[in-house]
Amino acid sequence: MSKNVIKINRKGDDGYKIISVRIKENVLEKIDELSQESNRSRNELINILLENCVDDVEIN
């Protein structure tokens, strides 16, 4: 009988890092609304928003 092999990545080996941020309550409410409307998790939506905006920031 052959065994099924399950590959499990070590925590942190998926290219993501866990961070903690403070977000204003009204912004979080908007994110939660968008999350429900898009049927995506809050985490997934925040990642999408950051990925789409990070290259457009200019520091003066």
C-alpha atoms as a PDB file:
ATOM      1  CA  MET A   1       0.000   0.000   0.000  1.00  0.00           C
ATOM      2  CA  SER A   2       1.498   3.369  -1.009  1.00  0.00           C
ATOM      3  CA  LYS A   3       1.346   6.410   1.243  1.00  0.00           C
ATOM      4  CA  ASN A   4      -0.139   9.739   0.266  1.00  0.00           C
ATOM      5  CA  VAL A   5       2.505  12.432   0.615  1.00  0.00           C
ATOM      6  CA  ILE A   6       1.356  15.778   1.960  1.00  0.00           C
ATOM      7  CA  LYS A   7       3.798  18.646   1.561  1.00  0.00           C
ATOM      8  CA  ILE A   8       3.503  21.284   4.252  1.00  0.00           C
ATOM      9  CA  ASN A   9       5.431  24.533   3.974  1.00  0.00           C
ATOM     10  CA  ARG A  10       7.041  25.842   7.104  1.00  0.00           C
ATOM     11  CA  LYS A  11       5.362  28.867   8.594  1.00  0.00           C
ATOM     12  CA  GLY A  12       6.614  31.945   6.773  1.00  0.00           C
ATOM     13  CA  ASP A  13       7.807  30.034   3.693  1.00  0.00           C
ATOM     14  CA  ASP A  14       4.882  31.217   1.549  1.00  0.00           C
ATOM     15  CA  GLY A  15       6.387  34.645   0.782  1.00  0.00           C
ATOM     16  CA  TYR A  16       4.146  36.427   3.279  1.00  0.00           C
ATOM     17  CA  LYS A  17       5.126  38.100   6.533  1.00  0.00           C
ATOM     18  CA  ILE A  18       2.835  38.679   9.477  1.00  0.00           C
ATOM     19  CA  ILE A  19       2.652  42.293  10.656  1.00  0.00           C
ATOM     20  CA  SER A  20       0.495  44.361  12.943  1.00  0.00           C
ATOM     21  CA  VAL A  21      -0.900  47.739  11.905  1.00  0.00           C
ATOM     22  CA  ARG A  22      -3.187  50.331  13.391  1.00  0.00           C
ATOM     23  CA  ILE A  23      -6.038  51.344  11.101  1.00  0.00           C
ATOM     24  CA  LYS A  24      -8.580  54.081  11.700  1.00  0.00           C
ATOM     25  CA  GLU A  25     -11.984  52.681  12.532  1.00  0.00           C
ATOM     26  CA  ASN A  26     -13.740  54.331   9.553  1.00  0.00           C
ATOM     27  CA  VAL A  27     -11.178  52.893   7.119  1.00  0.00           C
ATOM     28  CA  LEU A  28     -11.567  49.432   8.608  1.00  0.00           C
ATOM     29  CA  GLU A  29     -15.350  49.720   8.256  1.00  0.00           C
ATOM     30  CA  LYS A  30     -14.937  50.535   4.551  1.00  0.00           C
ATOM     31  CA  ILE A  31     -12.541  47.603   4.108  1.00  0.00           C
ATOM     32  CA  ASP A  32     -15.007  45.274   5.834  1.00  0.00           C
ATOM     33  CA  GLU A  33     -17.832  46.486   3.578  1.00  0.00           C
ATOM     34  CA  LEU A  34     -15.705  45.895   0.476  1.00  0.00           C
ATOM     35  CA  SER A  35     -14.713  42.510   1.847  1.00  0.00           C
ATOM     36  CA  GLN A  36     -18.338  41.439   2.155  1.00  0.00           C
ATOM     37  CA  GLU A  37     -19.282  42.841  -1.259  1.00  0.00           C
ATOM     38  CA  SER A  38     -16.368  41.115  -2.989  1.00  0.00           C
ATOM     39  CA  ASN A  39     -16.690  37.858  -1.046  1.00  0.00           C
ATOM     40  CA  ARG A  40     -12.995  38.065  -0.087  1.00  0.00           C
ATOM     41  CA  SER A  41     -11.390  37.902   3.330  1.00  0.00           C
ATOM     42  CA  ARG A  42     -10.280  41.131   4.953  1.00  0.00           C
ATOM     43  CA  ASN A  43      -6.663  39.955   4.671  1.00  0.00           C
ATOM     44  CA  GLU A  44      -6.981  39.135   0.975  1.00  0.00           C
ATOM     45  CA  LEU A  45      -8.615  42.479   0.236  1.00  0.00           C
ATOM     46  CA  ILE A  46      -5.988  44.455   2.146  1.00  0.00           C
ATOM     47  CA  ASN A  47      -3.256  42.657   0.184  1.00  0.00           C
ATOM     48  CA  ILE A  48      -5.010  43.486  -3.107  1.00  0.00           C
ATOM     49  CA  LEU A  49      -5.367  47.138  -2.115  1.00  0.00           C
ATOM     50  CA  LEU A  50      -1.724  47.419  -1.055  1.00  0.00           C
ATOM     51  CA  GLU A  51      -0.401  45.667  -4.161  1.00  0.00           C
ATOM     52  CA  ASN A  52      -2.371  48.040  -6.383  1.00  0.00           C
ATOM     53  CA  CYS A  53      -1.303  51.220  -4.586  1.00  0.00           C
ATOM     54  CA  VAL A  54       2.255  50.718  -3.353  1.00  0.00           C
ATOM     55  CA  ASP A  55       3.875  51.554  -6.711  1.00  0.00           C
ATOM     56  CA  ASP A  56       1.877  54.785  -7.034  1.00  0.00           C
ATOM     57  CA  VAL A  57       3.281  56.400  -3.876  1.00  0.00           C
ATOM     58  CA  GLU A  58       5.752  59.243  -4.269  1.00  0.00           C
ATOM     59  CA  ILE A  59       7.640  60.614  -1.277  1.00  0.00           C
ATOM     60  CA  ASN A  60       8.543  64.311  -1.491  1.00  0.00           C
END
